């Protein structure tokens, strides 16, 4: 897989062999079976940061506001009225869940930019949010992985999975793969809406910049665009 410098964000596609990569140079590239197939649009991140949307089809620029783009064309799809203090987003069709630097989570209806619900989630701020079915998972600077039920906007379950500070995670088929400042990658299954005991999969030698996964691979981005690919079948 050819690299084009430091990787800012990665996201698996609907097809498990598809990978979308956003490079620090501003370019989005699509890979199938780790072979480059498409050079997509370029989105500047000078005044913010980049986060892929669901299945890599769209991408969010997070700065003083949130702007959603279509990856293939770069066309703007949506822009939020919420400003400042935005840490992360998760898009779920017409609903977008916004994690704030002050620890609050806001649920927004994209059709009218109406704030449906807002609540305190993590002391010290939200790091990332991802969802499945009627639930979503959030992680925060309090080092907690927290599961929520969107039907009641209530907390379901908490779990601490790392000794070091949790930095990011990927949710795939009711499986949480997370990593921390200690460079460890941990797997936590969700069974009957409860998070089971975590299992350490491996540790890396270098700092983890970003990662993504599917049922077979965990793909870890490290410094200078180097990729570490962990195969569950080996």
Foldseek 3Di string as FASTA:
>chain_A
DDFDWAWQEKFAAPPNQWIWTAHQVQWIFIDGVNHTDDTADGDHQPAFGKDAAPRNQWIWGDHQWIWIAGTRHRDTDATAPHGPQWQEWYDDPQWIWTWGQQQKIWIAGRVVNDTPDMDHHDHRTWHYKYDDDQKIWTATQNQKIWIAGNVVRGTDEIDRQDPAGWHDWEAEPQWIWTAHPQQWIWIWGQDPNYTDHIDTDDGDPADFNYWYHYPFWIWTAGHTRDIDIDGPVD
